[in-house]
Amino acid sequence: MSELLDLSASLPGGGAQPLSDFRGKVLLVVNTASRCGFTPQYAGLEALQRRYGPQGFQVLAFPCNQFGAQEPGNAEEIASFCTTKYDVTFPVFAKVEVNGSGTDPVFRHLKHAAPGALGTEAIKWNFTKFLIDRNGKVVSRYAPTTAPEKLSGDIEKLLG
């Protein structure tokens, strides 16, 4: 299996961004959706980005439409929603699948490195979060119900 930082993330307008661009940063990777009960977590994710970004922290958002069709928009609509409603400054990548045969390689790696409850690798819902250290090692997986602000202590430990 590839290392996380050897993978790339698809960009909304086409092309891809190597995750190696984020080497040396503490990362929080989240599968997101704009019409979900957890969508207000965008505000908490942005607060983490603004608070810890200067110390080497980066949120990476991956929209997903696999749970209740709660991310039906195209790339432009998703970007507009994120910036207009939540003023996000972190990258929002192209829409991905996080489960099934079309699982994006980033999420395939994350799920294998940090299985969920009872060892299951499947992602249960939008806003599942993965915390990654500066070397690209997956440290923790958090349930959709875990509010972003609850991650501050774990982020601070990794930032040193």
C-alpha atoms as a PDB file:
ATOM      1  CA  MET A   1       0.000   0.000   0.000  1.00  0.00           C
ATOM      2  CA  SER A   2       1.224   3.488  -0.832  1.00  0.00           C
ATOM      3  CA  GLU A   3       2.172   5.996   1.790  1.00  0.00           C
ATOM      4  CA  LEU A   4      -0.374   8.783   2.140  1.00  0.00           C
ATOM      5  CA  LEU A   5       2.041  11.493   1.018  1.00  0.00           C
ATOM      6  CA  ASP A   6       2.799   9.507  -2.159  1.00  0.00           C
ATOM      7  CA  LEU A   7      -0.825   9.950  -3.285  1.00  0.00           C
ATOM      8  CA  SER A   8      -2.530  12.854  -5.051  1.00  0.00           C
ATOM      9  CA  ALA A   9      -5.911  14.515  -4.578  1.00  0.00           C
ATOM     10  CA  SER A  10      -8.075  15.382  -7.562  1.00  0.00           C
ATOM     11  CA  LEU A  11      -8.727  19.080  -8.000  1.00  0.00           C
ATOM     12  CA  PRO A  12     -12.224  20.391  -8.779  1.00  0.00           C
ATOM     13  CA  GLY A  13     -11.177  21.922 -12.107  1.00  0.00           C
ATOM     14  CA  GLY A  14      -9.222  18.864 -13.201  1.00  0.00           C
ATOM     15  CA  GLY A  15      -5.692  17.799 -12.509  1.00  0.00           C
ATOM     16  CA  ALA A  16      -4.359  16.687  -9.169  1.00  0.00           C
ATOM     17  CA  GLN A  17      -2.404  18.014  -6.214  1.00  0.00           C
ATOM     18  CA  PRO A  18       0.309  15.778  -4.779  1.00  0.00           C
ATOM     19  CA  LEU A  19      -0.225  15.276  -1.070  1.00  0.00           C
ATOM     20  CA  SER A  20       3.550  15.534  -0.756  1.00  0.00           C
ATOM     21  CA  ASP A  21       2.892  19.303  -1.029  1.00  0.00           C
ATOM     22  CA  PHE A  22       1.685  19.005   2.576  1.00  0.00           C
ATOM     23  CA  ARG A  23       4.750  17.135   3.876  1.00  0.00           C
ATOM     24  CA  GLY A  24       5.764  18.470   7.275  1.00  0.00           C
ATOM     25  CA  LYS A  25       2.233  19.598   8.166  1.00  0.00           C
ATOM     26  CA  VAL A  26      -0.258  18.065  10.565  1.00  0.00           C
ATOM     27  CA  LEU A  27      -3.302  17.216   8.431  1.00  0.00           C
ATOM     28  CA  LEU A  28      -6.979  16.743   9.146  1.00  0.00           C
ATOM     29  CA  VAL A  29      -8.681  14.980   6.236  1.00  0.00           C
ATOM     30  CA  VAL A  30     -12.495  15.108   6.220  1.00  0.00           C
ATOM     31  CA  ASN A  31     -15.192  13.804   3.880  1.00  0.00           C
ATOM     32  CA  THR A  32     -17.714  16.637   3.678  1.00  0.00           C
ATOM     33  CA  ALA A  33     -21.185  17.435   2.361  1.00  0.00           C
ATOM     34  CA  SER A  34     -23.119  20.685   2.076  1.00  0.00           C
ATOM     35  CA  ARG A  35     -26.604  19.354   2.864  1.00  0.00           C
ATOM     36  CA  CYS A  36     -25.867  17.230   5.929  1.00  0.00           C
ATOM     37  CA  GLY A  37     -26.842  17.665   9.558  1.00  0.00           C
ATOM     38  CA  PHE A  38     -23.103  17.903  10.270  1.00  0.00           C
ATOM     39  CA  THR A  39     -22.485  20.609   7.635  1.00  0.00           C
ATOM     40  CA  PRO A  40     -22.156  23.312  10.324  1.00  0.00           C
ATOM     41  CA  GLN A  41     -18.872  21.567  11.239  1.00  0.00           C
ATOM     42  CA  TYR A  42     -17.366  23.544   8.351  1.00  0.00           C
ATOM     43  CA  ALA A  43     -17.279  26.486  10.790  1.00  0.00           C
ATOM     44  CA  GLY A  44     -15.362  24.431  13.351  1.00  0.00           C
ATOM     45  CA  LEU A  45     -12.966  23.103  10.718  1.00  0.00           C
ATOM     46  CA  GLU A  46     -12.273  26.647   9.546  1.00  0.00           C
ATOM     47  CA  ALA A  47     -11.708  27.761  13.143  1.00  0.00           C
ATOM     48  CA  LEU A  48      -9.096  24.996  13.533  1.00  0.00           C
ATOM     49  CA  GLN A  49      -7.471  26.046  10.254  1.00  0.00           C
ATOM     50  CA  ARG A  50      -7.211  29.670  11.313  1.00  0.00           C
ATOM     51  CA  ARG A  51      -6.024  28.835  14.825  1.00  0.00           C
ATOM     52  CA  TYR A  52      -3.402  26.205  13.969  1.00  0.00           C
ATOM     53  CA  GLY A  53      -2.575  26.915  10.319  1.00  0.00           C
ATOM     54  CA  PRO A  54       0.318  29.257  11.183  1.00  0.00           C
ATOM     55  CA  GLN A  55       1.846  26.420  13.251  1.00  0.00           C
ATOM     56  CA  GLY A  56       1.843  23.945  10.364  1.00  0.00           C
ATOM     57  CA  PHE A  57      -1.707  22.529  10.405  1.00  0.00           C
ATOM     58  CA  GLN A  58      -3.890  21.979   7.338  1.00  0.00           C
ATOM     59  CA  VAL A  59      -7.515  20.869   6.880  1.00  0.00           C
ATOM     60  CA  LEU A  60      -8.180  18.994   3.614  1.00  0.00           C
ATOM     61  CA  ALA A  61     -11.859  18.597   2.626  1.00  0.00           C
ATOM     62  CA  PHE A  62     -13.146  15.952   0.229  1.00  0.00           C
ATOM     63  CA  PRO A  63     -16.821  16.358  -0.729  1.00  0.00           C
ATOM     64  CA  CYS A  64     -18.734  13.085  -0.999  1.00  0.00           C
ATOM     65  CA  ASN A  65     -22.250  12.349  -2.245  1.00  0.00           C
ATOM     66  CA  GLN A  66     -22.462   8.735  -1.023  1.00  0.00           C
ATOM     67  CA  PHE A  67     -24.509   9.375   2.118  1.00  0.00           C
ATOM     68  CA  GLY A  68     -28.106  10.398   1.474  1.00  0.00           C
ATOM     69  CA  ALA A  69     -27.072  12.302  -1.683  1.00  0.00           C
ATOM     70  CA  GLN A  70     -26.147  15.226   0.584  1.00  0.00           C
ATOM     71  CA  GLU A  71     -23.507  16.650  -1.771  1.00  0.00           C
ATOM     72  CA  PRO A  72     -25.316  16.855  -5.118  1.00  0.00           C
ATOM     73  CA  GLY A  73     -23.586  19.993  -6.413  1.00  0.00           C
ATOM     74  CA  ASN A  74     -20.871  20.294  -8.994  1.00  0.00           C
ATOM     75  CA  ALA A  75     -17.383  21.545  -8.128  1.00  0.00           C
ATOM     76  CA  GLU A  76     -18.284  25.205  -8.693  1.00  0.00           C
ATOM     77  CA  GLU A  77     -21.421  24.986  -6.534  1.00  0.00           C
ATOM     78  CA  ILE A  78     -19.537  23.236  -3.727  1.00  0.00           C
ATOM     79  CA  ALA A  79     -16.720  25.807  -3.779  1.00  0.00           C
ATOM     80  CA  SER A  80     -19.205  28.683  -3.790  1.00  0.00           C
ATOM     81  CA  PHE A  81     -21.127  27.191  -0.869  1.00  0.00           C
ATOM     82  CA  CYS A  82     -17.970  26.656   1.199  1.00  0.00           C
ATOM     83  CA  THR A  83     -16.622  30.148   0.657  1.00  0.00           C
ATOM     84  CA  THR A  84     -19.925  32.041   0.834  1.00  0.00           C
ATOM     85  CA  LYS A  85     -21.531  30.250   3.776  1.00  0.00           C
ATOM     86  CA  TYR A  86     -18.452  29.282   5.833  1.00  0.00           C
ATOM     87  CA  ASP A  87     -15.593  31.416   4.444  1.00  0.00           C
ATOM     88  CA  VAL A  88     -13.333  28.351   4.227  1.00  0.00           C
ATOM     89  CA  THR A  89      -9.687  28.965   3.446  1.00  0.00           C
ATOM     90  CA  PHE A  90      -8.613  25.306   3.348  1.00  0.00           C
ATOM     91  CA  PRO A  91      -8.547  23.217   0.149  1.00  0.00           C
ATOM     92  CA  VAL A  92     -11.800  21.617  -0.970  1.00  0.00           C
ATOM     93  CA  PHE A  93     -10.895  18.903  -3.453  1.00  0.00           C
ATOM     94  CA  ALA A  94     -12.988  17.238  -6.156  1.00  0.00           C
ATOM     95  CA  LYS A  95     -15.922  15.088  -5.088  1.00  0.00           C
ATOM     96  CA  VAL A  96     -14.832  11.545  -4.173  1.00  0.00           C
ATOM     97  CA  GLU A  97     -16.226   8.184  -3.192  1.00  0.00           C
ATOM     98  CA  VAL A  98     -15.096   6.981   0.232  1.00  0.00           C
ATOM     99  CA  ASN A  99     -16.656   3.500   0.156  1.00  0.00           C
ATOM    100  CA  GLY A 100     -17.187   0.789  -2.429  1.00  0.00           C
ATOM    101  CA  SER A 101     -15.328  -0.179  -5.574  1.00  0.00           C
ATOM    102  CA  GLY A 102     -14.788   3.466  -6.570  1.00  0.00           C
ATOM    103  CA  THR A 103     -13.119   4.458  -3.293  1.00  0.00           C
ATOM    104  CA  ASP A 104     -10.606   7.235  -3.805  1.00  0.00           C
ATOM    105  CA  PRO A 105      -7.031   6.039  -3.098  1.00  0.00           C
ATOM    106  CA  VAL A 106      -6.629   8.647  -0.339  1.00  0.00           C
ATOM    107  CA  PHE A 107      -9.592   7.216   1.557  1.00  0.00           C
ATOM    108  CA  ARG A 108      -8.589   3.642   0.812  1.00  0.00           C
ATOM    109  CA  HIS A 109      -5.297   4.396   2.555  1.00  0.00           C
ATOM    110  CA  LEU A 110      -6.887   6.282   5.469  1.00  0.00           C
ATOM    111  CA  LYS A 111      -9.488   3.587   6.171  1.00  0.00           C
ATOM    112  CA  HIS A 112      -6.871   0.831   6.111  1.00  0.00           C
ATOM    113  CA  ALA A 113      -4.503   2.772   8.374  1.00  0.00           C
ATOM    114  CA  ALA A 114      -7.216   3.711  10.895  1.00  0.00           C
ATOM    115  CA  PRO A 115     -10.176   1.326  10.888  1.00  0.00           C
ATOM    116  CA  GLY A 116     -13.357   2.340  12.659  1.00  0.00           C
ATOM    117  CA  ALA A 117     -15.393   0.579  15.329  1.00  0.00           C
ATOM    118  CA  LEU A 118     -14.928  -3.183  15.500  1.00  0.00           C
ATOM    119  CA  GLY A 119     -12.208  -2.956  12.860  1.00  0.00           C
ATOM    120  CA  THR A 120     -14.538  -1.983  10.027  1.00  0.00           C
ATOM    121  CA  GLU A 121     -12.928   0.135   7.346  1.00  0.00           C
ATOM    122  CA  ALA A 122     -16.173   1.531   5.923  1.00  0.00           C
ATOM    123  CA  ILE A 123     -16.926   5.175   6.533  1.00  0.00           C
ATOM    124  CA  LYS A 124     -20.345   5.506   8.159  1.00  0.00           C
ATOM    125  CA  TRP A 125     -21.275   9.069   7.218  1.00  0.00           C
ATOM    126  CA  ASN A 126     -20.156  12.537   6.168  1.00  0.00           C
ATOM    127  CA  PHE A 127     -17.618  14.376   8.327  1.00  0.00           C
ATOM    128  CA  THR A 128     -15.538  11.379   9.339  1.00  0.00           C
ATOM    129  CA  LYS A 129     -12.154  12.860  10.225  1.00  0.00           C
ATOM    130  CA  PHE A 130      -8.600  11.518  10.032  1.00  0.00           C
ATOM    131  CA  LEU A 131      -5.699  13.192  11.843  1.00  0.00           C
ATOM    132  CA  ILE A 132      -2.268  12.718  10.254  1.00  0.00           C
ATOM    133  CA  ASP A 133       1.112  13.612  11.733  1.00  0.00           C
ATOM    134  CA  ARG A 134       3.852  15.636  10.024  1.00  0.00           C
ATOM    135  CA  ASN A 135       5.344  12.461   8.515  1.00  0.00           C
ATOM    136  CA  GLY A 136       2.095  11.358   6.859  1.00  0.00           C
ATOM    137  CA  LYS A 137       1.218   8.706   9.468  1.00  0.00           C
ATOM    138  CA  VAL A 138      -2.484   8.377  10.258  1.00  0.00           C
ATOM    139  CA  VAL A 139      -2.773   8.907  14.014  1.00  0.00           C
ATOM    140  CA  SER A 140      -6.532   8.969  14.722  1.00  0.00           C
ATOM    141  CA  ARG A 141      -9.941   8.515  13.176  1.00  0.00           C
ATOM    142  CA  TYR A 142     -12.926  10.460  14.524  1.00  0.00           C
ATOM    143  CA  ALA A 143     -16.635   9.821  14.088  1.00  0.00           C
ATOM    144  CA  PRO A 144     -18.862  12.330  12.282  1.00  0.00           C
ATOM    145  CA  THR A 145     -20.389  13.237  15.656  1.00  0.00           C
ATOM    146  CA  THR A 146     -17.010  14.417  16.993  1.00  0.00           C
ATOM    147  CA  ALA A 147     -17.046  18.208  16.802  1.00  0.00           C
ATOM    148  CA  PRO A 148     -13.894  19.742  15.299  1.00  0.00           C
ATOM    149  CA  GLU A 149     -13.171  21.768  18.447  1.00  0.00           C
ATOM    150  CA  LYS A 150     -12.832  18.484  20.380  1.00  0.00           C
ATOM    151  CA  LEU A 151      -9.688  17.737  18.322  1.00  0.00           C
ATOM    152  CA  SER A 152      -7.675  20.705  19.602  1.00  0.00           C
ATOM    153  CA  GLY A 153      -5.731  18.725  22.205  1.00  0.00           C
ATOM    154  CA  ASP A 154      -4.733  16.018  19.734  1.00  0.00           C
ATOM    155  CA  ILE A 155      -3.741  18.614  17.137  1.00  0.00           C
ATOM    156  CA  GLU A 156      -1.655  20.530  19.663  1.00  0.00           C
ATOM    157  CA  LYS A 157       0.216  17.339  20.655  1.00  0.00           C
ATOM    158  CA  LEU A 158       1.159  16.692  17.034  1.00  0.00           C
ATOM    159  CA  LEU A 159       2.163  20.297  16.428  1.00  0.00           C
ATOM    160  CA  GLY A 160       4.505  20.069  19.414  1.00  0.00           C
END
